Amino acid sequence: MFIPDTNILIYAFAGKEPFASLLVGWAKKKTLALSVIAISEFMVGATDEEIDRLKALAETVKVYKVDYEISILAAKYRRDFFRKKKKVFLLDCMLAATAKIHNLTLVTVNKSDFPMKDIKILEP
């Protein structure tokens, strides 16, 4: 199962390849999952039409919420990197924790935003 970072959703909905084809393919194969984190981040800069399209997509795939277990692991990731040179954002930590806990592959074009060694990452 693949869970896209916000940047993948932005590129896919803009029709950029290979992102658009990947998203469509994963949705058809039922190997696409979404996070409420990426959904919220995407909607901030999306048009009304893009929001409607994302909502329709979200109705057909598994959408992962941030629960207690994810919040605890996200906080651990954030603490682990808090004082290091590469700081990570809490929302990225939540997305990484979702991927880890649910054994998903996180898809991003910003692999450096996810320095965690215990998650699977795909950088198309």
N, C-alpha and C. Protein backbone atom coordinates (compact mmCIF):
# COMPACT_ATOMS: atom_id res chain seq x y z
N MET A 1 0.84 -1.19 0.00
CA MET A 1 0.00 0.00 0.00
C MET A 1 0.88 1.24 0.00
N PHE A 2 0.43 2.24 -0.73
CA PHE A 2 1.18 3.49 -0.86
C PHE A 2 0.38 4.63 -0.23
N ILE A 3 1.10 5.49 0.49
CA ILE A 3 0.48 6.67 1.08
C ILE A 3 1.27 7.89 0.62
N PRO A 4 0.66 8.75 -0.18
CA PRO A 4 1.39 9.88 -0.75
C PRO A 4 1.53 11.06 0.21
N ASP A 5 2.69 11.69 0.13
CA ASP A 5 2.92 12.97 0.79
C ASP A 5 2.11 14.02 0.03
N THR A 6 1.94 15.16 0.62
CA THR A 6 1.16 16.24 0.00
C THR A 6 1.70 16.62 -1.36
N ASN A 7 3.02 16.66 -1.51
CA ASN A 7 3.60 17.07 -2.80
C ASN A 7 3.19 16.13 -3.93
N ILE A 8 3.05 14.86 -3.63
CA ILE A 8 2.62 13.89 -4.65
C ILE A 8 1.18 14.20 -5.07
N LEU A 9 0.32 14.50 -4.12
CA LEU A 9 -1.07 14.85 -4.45
C LEU A 9 -1.11 16.12 -5.31
N ILE A 10 -0.32 17.11 -4.94
CA ILE A 10 -0.29 18.37 -5.70
C ILE A 10 0.12 18.12 -7.14
N TYR A 11 1.21 17.39 -7.34
CA TYR A 11 1.70 17.10 -8.69
C TYR A 11 0.71 16.24 -9.47
N ALA A 12 0.13 15.24 -8.82
CA ALA A 12 -0.81 14.35 -9.49
C ALA A 12 -2.05 15.11 -9.95
N PHE A 13 -2.59 15.93 -9.07
CA PHE A 13 -3.80 16.67 -9.43
C PHE A 13 -3.52 17.75 -10.46
N ALA A 14 -2.26 18.16 -10.59
CA ALA A 14 -1.88 19.12 -11.64
C ALA A 14 -1.61 18.41 -12.97
N GLY A 15 -1.70 17.07 -12.95
CA GLY A 15 -1.48 16.29 -14.17
C GLY A 15 -0.03 16.01 -14.50
N LYS A 16 0.86 16.28 -13.56
CA LYS A 16 2.29 16.04 -13.80
C LYS A 16 2.59 14.54 -13.72
N GLU A 17 3.43 14.11 -14.64
CA GLU A 17 3.84 12.70 -14.66
C GLU A 17 5.21 12.55 -14.03
N PRO A 18 5.47 11.41 -13.43
CA PRO A 18 4.67 10.19 -13.41
C PRO A 18 3.61 10.16 -12.31
N PHE A 19 3.47 11.25 -11.59
CA PHE A 19 2.65 11.29 -10.38
C PHE A 19 1.17 11.01 -10.64
N ALA A 20 0.62 11.62 -11.71
CA ALA A 20 -0.79 11.42 -12.02
C ALA A 20 -1.07 9.95 -12.34
N SER A 21 -0.23 9.36 -13.17
CA SER A 21 -0.41 7.95 -13.54
C SER A 21 -0.24 7.02 -12.35
N LEU A 22 0.73 7.33 -11.49
CA LEU A 22 0.94 6.51 -10.30
C LEU A 22 -0.30 6.53 -9.41
N LEU A 23 -0.82 7.71 -9.16
CA LEU A 23 -1.99 7.84 -8.28
C LEU A 23 -3.19 7.10 -8.86
N VAL A 24 -3.43 7.27 -10.15
CA VAL A 24 -4.55 6.59 -10.80
C VAL A 24 -4.35 5.08 -10.75
N GLY A 25 -3.13 4.64 -11.04
CA GLY A 25 -2.85 3.20 -11.01
C GLY A 25 -3.03 2.59 -9.64
N TRP A 26 -2.53 3.27 -8.62
CA TRP A 26 -2.69 2.76 -7.26
C TRP A 26 -4.16 2.72 -6.86
N ALA A 27 -4.91 3.74 -7.25
CA ALA A 27 -6.34 3.77 -6.92
C ALA A 27 -7.05 2.60 -7.59
N LYS A 28 -6.74 2.35 -8.85
CA LYS A 28 -7.38 1.24 -9.58
C LYS A 28 -7.02 -0.11 -8.97
N LYS A 29 -5.77 -0.26 -8.54
CA LYS A 29 -5.31 -1.52 -7.96
C LYS A 29 -5.67 -1.66 -6.48
N LYS A 30 -6.30 -0.62 -5.95
CA LYS A 30 -6.67 -0.59 -4.52
C LYS A 30 -5.45 -0.70 -3.61
N THR A 31 -4.36 -0.05 -4.04
CA THR A 31 -3.13 0.00 -3.23
C THR A 31 -2.82 1.43 -2.79
N LEU A 32 -3.80 2.31 -2.89
CA LEU A 32 -3.64 3.70 -2.48
C LEU A 32 -4.33 3.93 -1.15
N ALA A 33 -3.65 4.61 -0.26
CA ALA A 33 -4.22 5.06 1.00
C ALA A 33 -3.93 6.55 1.12
N LEU A 34 -4.72 7.24 1.90
CA LEU A 34 -4.49 8.66 2.14
C LEU A 34 -4.43 8.92 3.63
N SER A 35 -3.74 9.99 3.98
CA SER A 35 -3.68 10.45 5.36
C SER A 35 -4.49 11.74 5.49
N VAL A 36 -5.15 11.89 6.62
CA VAL A 36 -5.87 13.14 6.86
C VAL A 36 -4.90 14.32 6.86
N ILE A 37 -3.63 14.06 7.18
CA ILE A 37 -2.61 15.12 7.17
C ILE A 37 -2.42 15.65 5.75
N ALA A 38 -2.14 14.74 4.80
CA ALA A 38 -1.91 15.15 3.41
C ALA A 38 -3.19 15.75 2.81
N ILE A 39 -4.33 15.20 3.17
CA ILE A 39 -5.59 15.74 2.66
C ILE A 39 -5.74 17.20 3.11
N SER A 40 -5.52 17.48 4.37
CA SER A 40 -5.66 18.85 4.89
C SER A 40 -4.65 19.79 4.25
N GLU A 41 -3.40 19.35 4.18
CA GLU A 41 -2.36 20.21 3.57
C GLU A 41 -2.69 20.51 2.12
N PHE A 42 -3.14 19.49 1.38
CA PHE A 42 -3.49 19.68 -0.03
C PHE A 42 -4.61 20.70 -0.18
N MET A 43 -5.64 20.58 0.64
CA MET A 43 -6.82 21.43 0.49
C MET A 43 -6.54 22.91 0.75
N VAL A 44 -5.50 23.20 1.49
CA VAL A 44 -5.17 24.60 1.78
C VAL A 44 -4.95 25.40 0.49
N GLY A 45 -4.23 24.82 -0.46
CA GLY A 45 -3.92 25.55 -1.69
C GLY A 45 -4.70 25.08 -2.90
N ALA A 46 -5.67 24.19 -2.71
CA ALA A 46 -6.40 23.61 -3.83
C ALA A 46 -7.57 24.48 -4.28
N THR A 47 -7.94 24.30 -5.53
CA THR A 47 -9.15 24.95 -6.04
C THR A 47 -10.36 24.15 -5.54
N ASP A 48 -11.53 24.74 -5.68
CA ASP A 48 -12.76 24.04 -5.29
C ASP A 48 -12.91 22.74 -6.08
N GLU A 49 -12.58 22.77 -7.35
CA GLU A 49 -12.67 21.56 -8.19
C GLU A 49 -11.70 20.48 -7.70
N GLU A 50 -10.48 20.87 -7.36
CA GLU A 50 -9.50 19.91 -6.85
C GLU A 50 -9.95 19.32 -5.51
N ILE A 51 -10.53 20.15 -4.67
CA ILE A 51 -11.05 19.66 -3.39
C ILE A 51 -12.14 18.63 -3.62
N ASP A 52 -13.05 18.93 -4.56
CA ASP A 52 -14.12 17.98 -4.87
C ASP A 52 -13.56 16.67 -5.41
N ARG A 53 -12.55 16.76 -6.27
CA ARG A 53 -11.93 15.55 -6.84
C ARG A 53 -11.24 14.74 -5.75
N LEU A 54 -10.55 15.43 -4.82
CA LEU A 54 -9.87 14.71 -3.74
C LEU A 54 -10.89 14.06 -2.81
N LYS A 55 -11.96 14.76 -2.52
CA LYS A 55 -13.02 14.17 -1.67
C LYS A 55 -13.59 12.91 -2.32
N ALA A 56 -13.80 12.96 -3.63
CA ALA A 56 -14.32 11.79 -4.34
C ALA A 56 -13.32 10.64 -4.27
N LEU A 57 -12.05 10.94 -4.44
CA LEU A 57 -11.02 9.92 -4.34
C LEU A 57 -10.97 9.33 -2.94
N ALA A 58 -11.05 10.19 -1.94
CA ALA A 58 -10.97 9.75 -0.54
C ALA A 58 -12.11 8.80 -0.17
N GLU A 59 -13.22 8.91 -0.86
CA GLU A 59 -14.35 8.01 -0.60
C GLU A 59 -14.10 6.61 -1.13
N THR A 60 -13.07 6.44 -1.98
CA THR A 60 -12.82 5.13 -2.60
C THR A 60 -11.60 4.41 -2.03
N VAL A 61 -10.86 5.08 -1.15
CA VAL A 61 -9.63 4.50 -0.61
C VAL A 61 -9.66 4.54 0.92
N LYS A 62 -8.71 3.85 1.52
CA LYS A 62 -8.57 3.88 2.98
C LYS A 62 -7.96 5.23 3.37
N VAL A 63 -8.58 5.90 4.31
CA VAL A 63 -8.07 7.17 4.82
C VAL A 63 -7.67 6.95 6.28
N TYR A 64 -6.40 7.22 6.57
CA TYR A 64 -5.87 7.03 7.91
C TYR A 64 -5.94 8.32 8.71
N LYS A 65 -6.48 8.19 9.92
CA LYS A 65 -6.56 9.32 10.85
C LYS A 65 -5.38 9.27 11.80
N VAL A 66 -5.12 10.37 12.46
CA VAL A 66 -4.09 10.41 13.49
C VAL A 66 -4.73 9.95 14.79
N ASP A 67 -4.25 8.82 15.28
CA ASP A 67 -4.77 8.31 16.54
C ASP A 67 -3.67 8.41 17.62
N TYR A 68 -3.96 7.85 18.76
CA TYR A 68 -3.03 7.93 19.90
C TYR A 68 -1.67 7.32 19.55
N GLU A 69 -1.67 6.13 18.97
CA GLU A 69 -0.42 5.44 18.64
C GLU A 69 0.42 6.25 17.64
N ILE A 70 -0.24 6.80 16.63
CA ILE A 70 0.46 7.62 15.64
C ILE A 70 1.02 8.88 16.31
N SER A 71 0.24 9.50 17.18
CA SER A 71 0.71 10.73 17.83
C SER A 71 1.93 10.47 18.71
N ILE A 72 1.96 9.33 19.38
CA ILE A 72 3.11 9.00 20.23
C ILE A 72 4.36 8.78 19.38
N LEU A 73 4.23 8.02 18.29
CA LEU A 73 5.39 7.77 17.43
C LEU A 73 5.83 9.06 16.73
N ALA A 74 4.89 9.89 16.30
CA ALA A 74 5.23 11.16 15.66
C ALA A 74 6.02 12.05 16.61
N ALA A 75 5.61 12.08 17.87
CA ALA A 75 6.33 12.87 18.87
C ALA A 75 7.74 12.32 19.06
N LYS A 76 7.88 11.00 19.05
CA LYS A 76 9.22 10.40 19.18
C LYS A 76 10.10 10.81 18.00
N TYR A 77 9.56 10.70 16.78
CA TYR A 77 10.33 11.13 15.60
C TYR A 77 10.74 12.59 15.74
N ARG A 78 9.82 13.44 16.13
CA ARG A 78 10.12 14.88 16.25
C ARG A 78 11.19 15.12 17.30
N ARG A 79 11.09 14.44 18.45
CA ARG A 79 12.11 14.57 19.49
C ARG A 79 13.47 14.08 19.01
N ASP A 80 13.47 12.95 18.30
CA ASP A 80 14.72 12.37 17.81
C ASP A 80 15.50 13.34 16.92
N PHE A 81 14.79 14.15 16.17
CA PHE A 81 15.44 15.05 15.22
C PHE A 81 15.40 16.51 15.65
N PHE A 82 14.82 16.78 16.81
CA PHE A 82 14.62 18.16 17.25
C PHE A 82 15.91 18.95 17.36
N ARG A 83 16.94 18.35 17.89
CA ARG A 83 18.19 19.07 18.11
C ARG A 83 19.24 18.78 17.05
N LYS A 84 18.88 17.99 16.07
CA LYS A 84 19.83 17.66 15.01
C LYS A 84 19.78 18.73 13.93
N LYS A 85 20.77 18.67 13.07
CA LYS A 85 20.87 19.65 12.01
C LYS A 85 19.64 19.63 11.10
N LYS A 86 19.15 18.44 10.78
CA LYS A 86 17.97 18.31 9.94
C LYS A 86 16.73 18.25 10.82
N LYS A 87 16.03 19.34 10.90
CA LYS A 87 14.80 19.37 11.68
C LYS A 87 13.65 18.89 10.81
N VAL A 88 12.71 18.23 11.44
CA VAL A 88 11.55 17.74 10.71
C VAL A 88 10.29 18.38 11.29
N PHE A 89 9.32 18.58 10.42
CA PHE A 89 8.06 19.18 10.84
C PHE A 89 7.17 18.12 11.48
N LEU A 90 6.37 18.53 12.44
CA LEU A 90 5.51 17.60 13.14
C LEU A 90 4.52 16.92 12.20
N LEU A 91 3.97 17.65 11.23
CA LEU A 91 3.03 17.04 10.29
C LEU A 91 3.71 15.94 9.48
N ASP A 92 4.97 16.16 9.08
CA ASP A 92 5.71 15.11 8.38
C ASP A 92 5.95 13.91 9.30
N CYS A 93 6.21 14.19 10.56
CA CYS A 93 6.39 13.10 11.54
C CYS A 93 5.10 12.30 11.68
N MET A 94 3.96 12.97 11.65
CA MET A 94 2.68 12.26 11.74
C MET A 94 2.44 11.39 10.51
N LEU A 95 2.80 11.90 9.35
CA LEU A 95 2.65 11.12 8.12
C LEU A 95 3.59 9.91 8.15
N ALA A 96 4.82 10.12 8.59
CA ALA A 96 5.79 9.02 8.69
C ALA A 96 5.31 7.97 9.70
N ALA A 97 4.78 8.43 10.81
CA ALA A 97 4.28 7.51 11.84
C ALA A 97 3.10 6.70 11.30
N THR A 98 2.25 7.32 10.53
CA THR A 98 1.13 6.60 9.91
C THR A 98 1.66 5.50 9.00
N ALA A 99 2.66 5.84 8.19
CA ALA A 99 3.26 4.85 7.29
C ALA A 99 3.88 3.70 8.08
N LYS A 100 4.61 4.02 9.12
CA LYS A 100 5.28 2.99 9.92
C LYS A 100 4.27 2.06 10.61
N ILE A 101 3.33 2.63 11.30
CA ILE A 101 2.39 1.84 12.09
C ILE A 101 1.50 0.95 11.21
N HIS A 102 1.17 1.43 10.02
CA HIS A 102 0.27 0.67 9.16
C HIS A 102 1.01 -0.05 8.02
N ASN A 103 2.34 -0.09 8.12
CA ASN A 103 3.18 -0.80 7.14
C ASN A 103 2.90 -0.34 5.70
N LEU A 104 2.90 0.97 5.52
CA LEU A 104 2.65 1.58 4.22
C LEU A 104 3.96 2.13 3.66
N THR A 105 4.02 2.28 2.36
CA THR A 105 5.16 2.94 1.72
C THR A 105 4.82 4.40 1.52
N LEU A 106 5.60 5.28 2.11
CA LEU A 106 5.41 6.72 1.98
C LEU A 106 6.01 7.17 0.65
N VAL A 107 5.22 7.87 -0.14
CA VAL A 107 5.66 8.35 -1.45
C VAL A 107 5.85 9.85 -1.38
N THR A 108 7.05 10.32 -1.73
CA THR A 108 7.35 11.75 -1.64
C THR A 108 8.44 12.12 -2.64
N VAL A 109 8.49 13.38 -2.98
CA VAL A 109 9.61 13.89 -3.77
C VAL A 109 10.61 14.61 -2.87
N ASN A 110 10.29 14.68 -1.59
CA ASN A 110 11.16 15.32 -0.61
C ASN A 110 11.62 14.31 0.43
N LYS A 111 12.40 13.34 -0.03
CA LYS A 111 12.86 12.27 0.86
C LYS A 111 13.62 12.83 2.07
N SER A 112 14.28 13.96 1.88
CA SER A 112 15.04 14.56 2.99
C SER A 112 14.14 15.05 4.12
N ASP A 113 12.84 15.22 3.85
CA ASP A 113 11.91 15.61 4.90
C ASP A 113 11.58 14.46 5.84
N PHE A 114 12.01 13.25 5.44
CA PHE A 114 11.69 12.04 6.20
C PHE A 114 12.97 11.25 6.49
N PRO A 115 13.78 11.73 7.43
CA PRO A 115 15.05 11.07 7.72
C PRO A 115 14.91 9.80 8.58
N MET A 116 13.70 9.42 8.90
CA MET A 116 13.47 8.23 9.71
C MET A 116 14.00 7.00 8.97
N LYS A 117 14.70 6.16 9.66
CA LYS A 117 15.30 4.98 9.03
C LYS A 117 14.38 3.76 9.05
N ASP A 118 13.27 3.85 9.76
CA ASP A 118 12.43 2.67 9.95
C ASP A 118 11.13 2.70 9.12
N ILE A 119 11.08 3.57 8.10
CA ILE A 119 9.91 3.60 7.23
C ILE A 119 10.33 3.33 5.80
N LYS A 120 9.38 2.81 5.02
CA LYS A 120 9.62 2.57 3.60
C LYS A 120 9.25 3.84 2.83
N ILE A 121 10.18 4.27 1.97
CA ILE A 121 9.95 5.48 1.19
C ILE A 121 10.17 5.19 -0.28
N LEU A 122 9.27 5.70 -1.10
CA LEU A 122 9.41 5.67 -2.55
C LEU A 122 9.51 7.09 -3.04
N GLU A 123 10.55 7.36 -3.80
CA GLU A 123 10.75 8.70 -4.37
C GLU A 123 10.71 8.57 -5.89
N PRO A 124 9.51 8.77 -6.50
CA PRO A 124 9.39 8.55 -7.96
C PRO A 124 10.25 9.53 -8.75
